[in-house]
Amino acid sequence: MKEILYRIYLYFSPAFTTIGIYFFVVLGNLPLFFLIANAERLKYLFVPLFLIYLALLIATGRYIQHRKQMCEYKAQYGEELFYRMFPQERKHEERMAKITQFINRIRRKPV
């Protein structure tokens, strides 16, 4: 039974990923839709809320860009020099390794 479920998971994994991406795209645009739809009722609160929404989008993009830049630095300088230059990144890597181990335990292929 586990083998069958695992094969179903592998077969539909790209579809689940695609659905998840579309879900987050739609979910990310819902606040903007509700904000614009209720602009007349919000009156003076519309501008600050709109700016907060834009700030969240910018912060999300900047975080993704920062992670990409850190990966590039690590590839350029090597691990030893990279961790001397950015000691907080070692803690981040350790946290991510723990999360990856947890996910791998969940996804472990059935025997």
C-alpha atoms as a PDB file:
ATOM      1  CA  MET A   1       0.000   0.000   0.000  1.00  0.00           C
ATOM      2  CA  LYS A   2       2.808   2.412   0.887  1.00  0.00           C
ATOM      3  CA  GLU A   3       4.532   1.661  -2.408  1.00  0.00           C
ATOM      4  CA  ILE A   4       1.368   2.532  -4.337  1.00  0.00           C
ATOM      5  CA  LEU A   5       0.936   5.801  -2.437  1.00  0.00           C
ATOM      6  CA  TYR A   6       4.581   6.645  -3.022  1.00  0.00           C
ATOM      7  CA  ARG A   7       4.229   6.043  -6.773  1.00  0.00           C
ATOM      8  CA  ILE A   8       1.099   8.209  -6.851  1.00  0.00           C
ATOM      9  CA  TYR A   9       3.008  10.919  -5.003  1.00  0.00           C
ATOM     10  CA  LEU A  10       5.888  10.752  -7.520  1.00  0.00           C
ATOM     11  CA  TYR A  11       3.503  10.795 -10.473  1.00  0.00           C
ATOM     12  CA  PHE A  12       1.502  13.793  -9.269  1.00  0.00           C
ATOM     13  CA  SER A  13       4.348  15.718  -7.616  1.00  0.00           C
ATOM     14  CA  PRO A  14       4.816  18.185 -10.539  1.00  0.00           C
ATOM     15  CA  ALA A  15       1.080  18.819 -10.610  1.00  0.00           C
ATOM     16  CA  PHE A  16       1.017  19.490  -6.861  1.00  0.00           C
ATOM     17  CA  THR A  17       3.935  21.900  -7.253  1.00  0.00           C
ATOM     18  CA  THR A  18       2.204  23.756 -10.082  1.00  0.00           C
ATOM     19  CA  ILE A  19      -1.054  23.977  -8.158  1.00  0.00           C
ATOM     20  CA  GLY A  20       0.853  25.258  -5.125  1.00  0.00           C
ATOM     21  CA  ILE A  21       2.556  27.983  -7.158  1.00  0.00           C
ATOM     22  CA  TYR A  22      -0.744  29.135  -8.658  1.00  0.00           C
ATOM     23  CA  PHE A  23      -2.344  29.028  -5.221  1.00  0.00           C
ATOM     24  CA  PHE A  24       0.289  31.362  -3.793  1.00  0.00           C
ATOM     25  CA  VAL A  25       0.081  33.703  -6.793  1.00  0.00           C
ATOM     26  CA  VAL A  26      -3.682  34.010  -6.357  1.00  0.00           C
ATOM     27  CA  LEU A  27      -3.331  34.233  -2.583  1.00  0.00           C
ATOM     28  CA  GLY A  28      -0.743  36.993  -2.975  1.00  0.00           C
ATOM     29  CA  ASN A  29      -3.053  39.052  -5.179  1.00  0.00           C
ATOM     30  CA  LEU A  30      -6.173  38.690  -3.027  1.00  0.00           C
ATOM     31  CA  PRO A  31      -5.163  41.417  -0.537  1.00  0.00           C
ATOM     32  CA  LEU A  32      -4.618  43.853  -3.405  1.00  0.00           C
ATOM     33  CA  PHE A  33      -7.987  42.947  -4.902  1.00  0.00           C
ATOM     34  CA  PHE A  34      -9.797  43.445  -1.588  1.00  0.00           C
ATOM     35  CA  LEU A  35      -7.896  46.657  -0.949  1.00  0.00           C
ATOM     36  CA  ILE A  36      -8.884  48.160  -4.300  1.00  0.00           C
ATOM     37  CA  ALA A  37     -12.458  46.851  -4.050  1.00  0.00           C
ATOM     38  CA  ASN A  38     -12.903  48.523  -0.650  1.00  0.00           C
ATOM     39  CA  ALA A  39     -10.984  51.726  -1.404  1.00  0.00           C
ATOM     40  CA  GLU A  40     -14.067  53.946  -0.966  1.00  0.00           C
ATOM     41  CA  ARG A  41     -14.826  52.518   2.465  1.00  0.00           C
ATOM     42  CA  LEU A  42     -11.216  52.710   3.605  1.00  0.00           C
ATOM     43  CA  LYS A  43     -10.843  56.375   2.572  1.00  0.00           C
ATOM     44  CA  TYR A  44      -7.680  57.632   4.289  1.00  0.00           C
ATOM     45  CA  LEU A  45      -6.518  54.152   5.304  1.00  0.00           C
ATOM     46  CA  PHE A  46      -6.222  53.053   1.683  1.00  0.00           C
ATOM     47  CA  VAL A  47      -2.840  54.697   1.040  1.00  0.00           C
ATOM     48  CA  PRO A  48      -1.061  53.374   4.176  1.00  0.00           C
ATOM     49  CA  LEU A  49      -2.467  49.870   3.642  1.00  0.00           C
ATOM     50  CA  PHE A  50      -1.456  49.939  -0.005  1.00  0.00           C
ATOM     51  CA  LEU A  51       2.055  51.027   0.955  1.00  0.00           C
ATOM     52  CA  ILE A  52       2.266  48.229   3.553  1.00  0.00           C
ATOM     53  CA  TYR A  53       1.229  45.746   0.882  1.00  0.00           C
ATOM     54  CA  LEU A  54       3.910  47.050  -1.482  1.00  0.00           C
ATOM     55  CA  ALA A  55       6.488  46.949   1.319  1.00  0.00           C
ATOM     56  CA  LEU A  56       5.673  43.289   1.979  1.00  0.00           C
ATOM     57  CA  LEU A  57       6.085  42.467  -1.703  1.00  0.00           C
ATOM     58  CA  ILE A  58       9.401  44.307  -1.863  1.00  0.00           C
ATOM     59  CA  ALA A  59      10.655  42.660   1.345  1.00  0.00           C
ATOM     60  CA  THR A  60       9.759  39.216   0.013  1.00  0.00           C
ATOM     61  CA  GLY A  61      11.584  39.867  -3.240  1.00  0.00           C
ATOM     62  CA  ARG A  62      14.594  41.256  -1.403  1.00  0.00           C
ATOM     63  CA  TYR A  63      14.754  38.192   0.863  1.00  0.00           C
ATOM     64  CA  ILE A  64      14.761  35.877  -2.151  1.00  0.00           C
ATOM     65  CA  GLN A  65      17.428  38.016  -3.829  1.00  0.00           C
ATOM     66  CA  HIS A  66      19.534  38.002  -0.633  1.00  0.00           C
ATOM     67  CA  ARG A  67      19.417  34.200  -0.369  1.00  0.00           C
ATOM     68  CA  LYS A  68      20.479  33.906  -4.017  1.00  0.00           C
ATOM     69  CA  GLN A  69      23.347  36.328  -3.431  1.00  0.00           C
ATOM     70  CA  MET A  70      24.512  34.369  -0.376  1.00  0.00           C
ATOM     71  CA  CYS A  71      24.560  31.172  -2.455  1.00  0.00           C
ATOM     72  CA  GLU A  72      26.669  32.944  -5.090  1.00  0.00           C
ATOM     73  CA  TYR A  73      29.109  34.212  -2.447  1.00  0.00           C
ATOM     74  CA  LYS A  74      29.418  30.729  -1.007  1.00  0.00           C
ATOM     75  CA  ALA A  75      30.211  29.328  -4.452  1.00  0.00           C
ATOM     76  CA  GLN A  76      32.789  32.075  -5.134  1.00  0.00           C
ATOM     77  CA  TYR A  77      34.637  32.155  -1.822  1.00  0.00           C
ATOM     78  CA  GLY A  78      34.305  28.560  -0.627  1.00  0.00           C
ATOM     79  CA  GLU A  79      32.746  27.469   2.643  1.00  0.00           C
ATOM     80  CA  GLU A  80      35.599  28.334   4.997  1.00  0.00           C
ATOM     81  CA  LEU A  81      36.028  31.962   3.893  1.00  0.00           C
ATOM     82  CA  PHE A  82      32.283  32.414   3.414  1.00  0.00           C
ATOM     83  CA  TYR A  83      31.501  31.366   6.989  1.00  0.00           C
ATOM     84  CA  ARG A  84      34.256  33.632   8.305  1.00  0.00           C
ATOM     85  CA  MET A  85      32.775  36.565   6.373  1.00  0.00           C
ATOM     86  CA  PHE A  86      29.148  35.728   7.251  1.00  0.00           C
ATOM     87  CA  PRO A  87      29.029  33.801  10.565  1.00  0.00           C
ATOM     88  CA  GLN A  88      25.239  34.093  10.826  1.00  0.00           C
ATOM     89  CA  GLU A  89      24.932  32.034   7.644  1.00  0.00           C
ATOM     90  CA  ARG A  90      26.315  28.956   9.415  1.00  0.00           C
ATOM     91  CA  LYS A  91      23.376  29.106  11.842  1.00  0.00           C
ATOM     92  CA  HIS A  92      21.002  29.522   8.922  1.00  0.00           C
ATOM     93  CA  GLU A  93      22.513  26.509   7.149  1.00  0.00           C
ATOM     94  CA  GLU A  94      22.216  24.392  10.305  1.00  0.00           C
ATOM     95  CA  ARG A  95      18.544  25.327  10.693  1.00  0.00           C
ATOM     96  CA  MET A  96      17.889  24.510   7.048  1.00  0.00           C
ATOM     97  CA  ALA A  97      19.684  21.157   7.429  1.00  0.00           C
ATOM     98  CA  LYS A  98      17.414  20.266  10.364  1.00  0.00           C
ATOM     99  CA  ILE A  99      14.333  21.177   8.327  1.00  0.00           C
ATOM    100  CA  THR A 100      15.605  19.124   5.377  1.00  0.00           C
ATOM    101  CA  GLN A 101      16.200  16.118   7.615  1.00  0.00           C
ATOM    102  CA  PHE A 102      12.656  16.432   8.954  1.00  0.00           C
ATOM    103  CA  ILE A 103      11.187  16.610   5.447  1.00  0.00           C
ATOM    104  CA  ASN A 104      13.281  13.652   4.314  1.00  0.00           C
ATOM    105  CA  ARG A 105      11.976  11.582   7.221  1.00  0.00           C
ATOM    106  CA  ILE A 106       8.434  12.379   6.128  1.00  0.00           C
ATOM    107  CA  ARG A 107       9.133  11.638   2.444  1.00  0.00           C
ATOM    108  CA  ARG A 108      11.218   8.534   3.095  1.00  0.00           C
ATOM    109  CA  LYS A 109      10.666   5.908   0.440  1.00  0.00           C
ATOM    110  CA  PRO A 110       8.752   2.925   1.835  1.00  0.00           C
ATOM    111  CA  VAL A 111      10.677  -0.310   2.129  1.00  0.00           C
END
